[in-house]
Amino acid sequence: MKFQTPYTSDELAHRLGRLRHVALDMDGTIYMGSRLFPWTHKFLADLEAHGIGYSFLTNNPSKSVEDYLAALATMGIECGRERIYTTTIATIDYLRTHHPSAHRLFLLGTPSMVRQFEEVGFESVADSPEERPDALVVAFDKTLTYERLCRAAWWAKEGVPYIATNPDRVCPTNEQTVLVDCGSICRCIEHATGRTPDITLGKPDARMLDGIKQRYGLEADEIAMCGDRIYTDIAMARNAGAFGVLVLSGESTEADVATAGEKPDLVVPSLAEFGELLLK
């Protein structure tokens, strides 16, 4: 398969010609696990050569911005902090706007994520029924323990404001395992308590693109959201009015595309084919 699109060739050329910025998912799009895809460097270099900007958007809050910058650097990708937007940042922004008095949080997340909250002034409360938090934040926690999962369920049951960082069921990996992600952890809490998150941030929430639009003065249809998941990356593109590019290098398959209710604007095997279409 070279590519799939619901548009005529002229319509596709017009949509591609509007694009000035590419928002890139990370896991499953530019790399898989710790392995950079062989076409990624060329794709990014070609974007820069043609004056098209790019940013990295990830639903994975388990690493800090500094962690991502360091990980990208080991793969030979050098970029500034302004190019990275994670669901940890989205959650901090949401709490500041919608729960400005919230300070003490029960954080079901990795030490790296917890540190990001603490660095901007939030307090991570202890695992104790005596330490009622102002809000519960549940994330992709690769350090999850049974005791902390039970405590998160308790605070959900007690009616504490409850925010999920992202809806992903699994995190893509090239290892022989299933990485249970935030959406599955929240489903566990729901099954135990009957409570769902008050809000689930990250893709497909359209606000994940607001920072890019404001930072670069872009209209939504001037941005391509490129990722490997129909239910997050492509759904966000649709919700935000951006151009949705599905790559089949990660979670989604051609069978998923065939059964999808609303089709992506473009389906390609990888970023390599998207680059050929965008920059020809």
Protein backbone atom coordinates (compact mmCIF):
# COMPACT_ATOMS: atom_id res chain seq x y z
CA MET A 1 0.00 0.00 0.00
CA LYS A 2 1.37 3.40 -1.02
CA PHE A 3 -1.39 5.50 0.56
CA GLN A 4 -5.14 5.76 1.09
CA THR A 5 -7.26 8.91 1.12
CA PRO A 6 -10.94 9.78 0.74
CA TYR A 7 -10.00 12.75 -1.50
CA THR A 8 -9.48 13.10 -5.21
CA SER A 9 -5.90 13.79 -6.29
CA ASP A 10 -6.67 17.51 -6.72
CA GLU A 11 -8.37 17.73 -3.33
CA LEU A 12 -5.46 15.95 -1.66
CA ALA A 13 -2.94 18.25 -3.34
CA HIS A 14 -4.89 21.27 -2.09
CA ARG A 15 -5.03 19.97 1.49
CA LEU A 16 -1.34 19.11 1.50
CA GLY A 17 -0.49 22.48 -0.02
CA ARG A 18 -2.11 24.24 2.96
CA LEU A 19 0.14 22.54 5.50
CA ARG A 20 2.75 24.64 7.32
CA HIS A 21 3.35 22.51 10.42
CA VAL A 22 3.42 18.81 11.29
CA ALA A 23 2.46 17.71 14.80
CA LEU A 24 4.08 14.35 15.39
CA ASP A 25 3.09 11.62 17.76
CA MET A 26 6.18 9.84 19.09
CA ASP A 27 5.72 6.18 20.10
CA GLY A 28 4.82 4.24 16.98
CA THR A 29 5.36 7.24 14.70
CA ILE A 30 8.97 8.43 14.90
CA TYR A 31 10.22 5.46 16.92
CA MET A 32 9.07 2.19 18.44
CA GLY A 33 10.19 1.63 22.02
CA SER A 34 13.84 2.66 21.99
CA ARG A 35 14.33 2.14 18.25
CA LEU A 36 14.22 5.15 15.93
CA PHE A 37 12.63 4.37 12.59
CA PRO A 38 15.18 4.59 9.76
CA TRP A 39 13.18 7.22 7.86
CA THR A 40 12.69 9.68 10.74
CA HIS A 41 15.90 11.71 10.34
CA LYS A 42 15.31 12.28 6.65
CA PHE A 43 11.68 13.22 7.21
CA LEU A 44 12.57 15.88 9.80
CA ALA A 45 15.46 17.23 7.72
CA ASP A 46 13.22 17.49 4.64
CA LEU A 47 10.58 19.40 6.61
CA GLU A 48 13.17 21.94 7.74
CA ALA A 49 14.60 22.23 4.22
CA HIS A 50 11.14 23.09 2.90
CA GLY A 51 10.30 25.54 5.69
CA ILE A 52 7.66 23.37 7.33
CA GLY A 53 7.68 23.39 11.12
CA TYR A 54 7.19 20.41 13.38
CA SER A 55 6.43 19.62 17.00
CA PHE A 56 6.21 16.45 19.06
CA LEU A 57 2.90 15.76 20.81
CA THR A 58 2.68 12.74 23.04
CA ASN A 59 0.00 11.24 25.21
CA ASN A 60 2.73 9.55 27.23
CA PRO A 61 3.18 11.46 30.52
CA SER A 62 5.60 8.94 32.04
CA LYS A 63 8.63 11.02 31.01
CA SER A 64 9.39 14.67 31.64
CA VAL A 65 10.21 17.13 28.86
CA GLU A 66 13.87 16.82 29.88
CA ASP A 67 13.63 13.03 29.62
CA TYR A 68 12.19 13.30 26.13
CA LEU A 69 14.84 15.77 25.05
CA ALA A 70 17.56 13.47 26.36
CA ALA A 71 16.01 10.40 24.74
CA LEU A 72 15.67 12.18 21.40
CA ALA A 73 19.26 13.39 21.64
CA THR A 74 20.50 9.80 22.01
CA MET A 75 18.69 9.08 18.72
CA GLY A 76 20.37 12.04 17.06
CA ILE A 77 17.40 14.42 17.23
CA GLU A 78 18.26 17.78 18.77
CA CYS A 79 15.36 20.10 19.54
CA GLY A 80 14.24 22.73 22.02
CA ARG A 81 11.70 22.44 24.81
CA GLU A 82 9.18 24.42 22.77
CA ARG A 83 8.86 21.53 20.31
CA ILE A 84 7.54 19.09 22.96
CA TYR A 85 4.06 19.05 24.47
CA THR A 86 3.07 16.19 26.75
CA THR A 87 -0.09 15.34 28.63
CA THR A 88 1.69 16.21 31.87
CA ILE A 89 1.93 19.80 30.60
CA ALA A 90 -1.70 19.63 29.46
CA THR A 91 -2.80 18.44 32.90
CA ILE A 92 -0.85 21.18 34.69
CA ASP A 93 -2.43 23.76 32.36
CA TYR A 94 -5.89 22.29 32.99
CA LEU A 95 -5.51 22.31 36.78
CA ARG A 96 -4.29 25.90 36.80
CA THR A 97 -7.26 27.01 34.69
CA HIS A 98 -10.10 24.88 36.06
CA HIS A 99 -8.94 24.07 39.61
CA PRO A 100 -6.78 27.08 40.53
CA SER A 101 -7.02 26.36 44.27
CA ALA A 102 -5.85 22.75 43.87
CA HIS A 103 -2.38 22.31 45.35
CA ARG A 104 -2.23 18.87 46.97
CA LEU A 105 -2.52 16.04 44.44
CA PHE A 106 -2.62 12.26 44.60
CA LEU A 107 -0.57 11.40 41.53
CA LEU A 108 -0.72 7.94 40.04
CA GLY A 109 2.30 8.34 37.82
CA THR A 110 6.02 7.79 37.43
CA PRO A 111 8.60 9.65 39.57
CA SER A 112 9.52 11.64 36.48
CA MET A 113 5.93 12.85 36.07
CA VAL A 114 5.54 13.56 39.78
CA ARG A 115 8.71 15.63 39.69
CA GLN A 116 7.29 17.81 36.91
CA PHE A 117 4.24 18.61 39.04
CA GLU A 118 6.38 19.36 42.07
CA GLU A 119 8.72 21.62 40.08
CA VAL A 120 5.83 23.96 39.27
CA GLY A 121 4.53 24.11 42.85
CA PHE A 122 2.15 21.18 43.36
CA GLU A 123 2.47 18.84 46.35
CA SER A 124 2.34 15.08 45.90
CA VAL A 125 0.41 13.68 48.87
CA ALA A 126 1.33 10.43 50.59
CA ASP A 127 -0.56 7.17 50.25
CA SER A 128 -2.70 7.63 53.34
CA PRO A 129 -6.44 7.95 54.04
CA GLU A 130 -5.54 10.92 56.26
CA GLU A 131 -4.01 12.87 53.35
CA ARG A 132 -7.07 13.88 51.33
CA PRO A 133 -5.90 15.52 48.10
CA ASP A 134 -7.42 18.46 46.26
CA ALA A 135 -7.45 16.36 43.09
CA LEU A 136 -6.63 12.88 41.82
CA VAL A 137 -4.48 12.59 38.69
CA VAL A 138 -4.20 9.17 37.04
CA ALA A 139 -1.60 8.66 34.33
CA PHE A 140 0.41 6.02 32.48
CA ASP A 141 2.25 4.72 35.53
CA LYS A 142 5.00 2.21 34.74
CA THR A 143 5.86 2.14 38.46
CA LEU A 144 2.30 1.28 39.52
CA THR A 145 1.84 -0.67 42.73
CA TYR A 146 -1.29 -2.39 43.93
CA GLU A 147 -1.42 -0.26 47.07
CA ARG A 148 -1.35 3.02 45.15
CA LEU A 149 -3.92 1.78 42.65
CA CYS A 150 -6.22 0.97 45.60
CA ARG A 151 -5.63 4.43 47.07
CA ALA A 152 -6.45 6.09 43.76
CA ALA A 153 -9.66 4.06 43.62
CA TRP A 154 -10.47 5.18 47.17
CA TRP A 155 -10.11 8.86 46.31
CA ALA A 156 -12.19 8.35 43.16
CA LYS A 157 -14.87 6.67 45.30
CA GLU A 158 -14.70 9.57 47.79
CA GLY A 159 -15.55 12.11 45.09
CA VAL A 160 -12.21 13.89 44.78
CA PRO A 161 -11.88 15.77 41.45
CA TYR A 162 -10.48 13.15 39.08
CA ILE A 163 -8.36 13.89 35.99
CA ALA A 164 -6.92 11.32 33.59
CA THR A 165 -3.92 12.43 31.58
CA ASN A 166 -4.75 10.39 28.46
CA PRO A 167 -7.18 7.76 27.14
CA ASP A 168 -4.66 5.30 25.62
CA ARG A 169 -5.36 1.66 26.39
CA VAL A 170 -1.79 0.49 25.67
CA CYS A 171 1.55 2.10 24.89
CA PRO A 172 3.28 0.89 21.69
CA THR A 173 6.40 -1.19 22.26
CA ASN A 174 8.80 -3.40 20.34
CA GLU A 175 9.19 -5.63 23.40
CA GLN A 176 7.32 -8.90 23.92
CA THR A 177 4.84 -7.50 26.42
CA VAL A 178 1.72 -5.36 26.67
CA LEU A 179 2.30 -1.93 28.24
CA VAL A 180 -0.96 -1.20 30.06
CA ASP A 181 -1.63 2.53 29.66
CA CYS A 182 -3.72 5.16 31.45
CA GLY A 183 -7.04 4.30 29.80
CA SER A 184 -6.82 0.71 31.02
CA ILE A 185 -5.84 1.81 34.54
CA CYS A 186 -8.85 4.14 34.62
CA ARG A 187 -11.08 1.30 33.44
CA CYS A 188 -9.85 -0.76 36.39
CA ILE A 189 -10.79 2.07 38.77
CA GLU A 190 -14.17 2.38 37.06
CA HIS A 191 -14.86 -1.34 37.45
CA ALA A 192 -13.99 -1.13 41.15
CA THR A 193 -15.83 2.10 42.00
CA GLY A 194 -18.24 2.99 39.20
CA ARG A 195 -16.44 6.32 38.76
CA THR A 196 -14.97 7.55 35.49
CA PRO A 197 -12.58 10.53 35.21
CA ASP A 198 -14.19 13.97 35.27
CA ILE A 199 -12.08 14.76 32.22
CA THR A 200 -9.63 12.81 30.10
CA LEU A 201 -6.95 15.01 28.60
CA GLY A 202 -4.52 14.33 25.79
CA LYS A 203 -5.42 13.28 22.29
CA PRO A 204 -8.21 13.19 21.08
CA ASP A 205 -8.93 16.38 23.07
CA ALA A 206 -8.64 19.22 20.54
CA ARG A 207 -6.91 21.46 23.09
CA MET A 208 -3.70 19.49 22.58
CA LEU A 209 -3.20 21.53 19.39
CA ASP A 210 -3.99 24.93 20.91
CA GLY A 211 -0.39 25.57 21.96
CA ILE A 212 0.90 24.98 18.43
CA LYS A 213 -1.76 27.20 16.87
CA GLN A 214 -1.05 30.04 19.29
CA ARG A 215 2.75 29.69 19.24
CA TYR A 216 3.07 29.76 15.45
CA GLY A 217 -0.02 31.73 14.45
CA LEU A 218 -1.56 28.84 12.53
CA GLU A 219 -5.04 27.86 11.47
CA ALA A 220 -6.08 24.29 12.25
CA ASP A 221 -6.10 23.22 8.59
CA GLU A 222 -2.47 24.35 8.28
CA ILE A 223 -1.44 21.61 10.73
CA ALA A 224 -1.07 17.90 10.01
CA MET A 225 -1.53 15.65 13.03
CA CYS A 226 0.48 12.55 12.27
CA GLY A 227 0.24 9.45 14.46
CA ASP A 228 -0.39 5.71 14.64
CA ARG A 229 -3.76 5.62 16.42
CA ILE A 230 -7.18 6.27 14.97
CA TYR A 231 -8.88 6.78 18.34
CA THR A 232 -6.39 9.39 19.62
CA ASP A 233 -4.26 11.00 16.89
CA ILE A 234 -6.79 10.93 14.06
CA ALA A 235 -9.75 11.65 16.32
CA MET A 236 -7.94 14.74 17.65
CA ALA A 237 -7.18 15.93 14.13
CA ARG A 238 -10.87 15.61 13.30
CA ASN A 239 -11.94 17.33 16.54
CA ALA A 240 -9.53 20.21 15.96
CA GLY A 241 -10.11 20.62 12.22
CA ALA A 242 -6.53 19.59 11.38
CA PHE A 243 -5.33 17.22 8.63
CA GLY A 244 -5.15 13.69 10.04
CA VAL A 245 -2.35 11.41 8.85
CA LEU A 246 -2.39 7.81 10.07
CA VAL A 247 0.89 5.89 9.88
CA LEU A 248 0.77 2.09 10.04
CA SER A 249 4.15 1.82 11.77
CA GLY A 250 2.63 1.52 15.25
CA GLU A 251 -0.67 0.34 16.72
CA SER A 252 -3.24 0.72 13.94
CA THR A 253 -3.55 -1.68 11.02
CA GLU A 254 -5.24 -1.65 7.61
CA ALA A 255 -8.02 -3.73 9.19
CA ASP A 256 -8.58 -0.96 11.76
CA VAL A 257 -8.86 1.59 8.95
CA ALA A 258 -11.37 -0.59 7.12
CA THR A 259 -13.69 -0.71 10.14
CA ALA A 260 -13.20 2.92 11.26
CA GLY A 261 -16.37 4.99 11.30
CA GLU A 262 -14.62 8.11 10.02
CA LYS A 263 -11.56 7.67 7.83
CA PRO A 264 -8.26 9.53 8.24
CA ASP A 265 -7.46 12.21 5.68
CA LEU A 266 -4.45 10.14 4.68
CA VAL A 267 -3.20 6.64 5.51
CA VAL A 268 0.44 5.77 4.79
CA PRO A 269 2.74 2.93 5.82
CA SER A 270 5.14 5.36 7.51
CA LEU A 271 6.44 8.92 7.65
CA ALA A 272 8.60 8.14 4.62
CA GLU A 273 5.56 7.95 2.33
CA PHE A 274 3.94 10.99 3.95
CA GLY A 275 7.12 12.98 3.27
CA GLU A 276 7.08 11.95 -0.38
CA LEU A 277 3.50 13.16 -0.80
CA LEU A 278 3.90 16.35 1.23
CA LEU A 279 7.15 17.57 -0.28
CA LYS A 280 6.95 16.46 -3.89
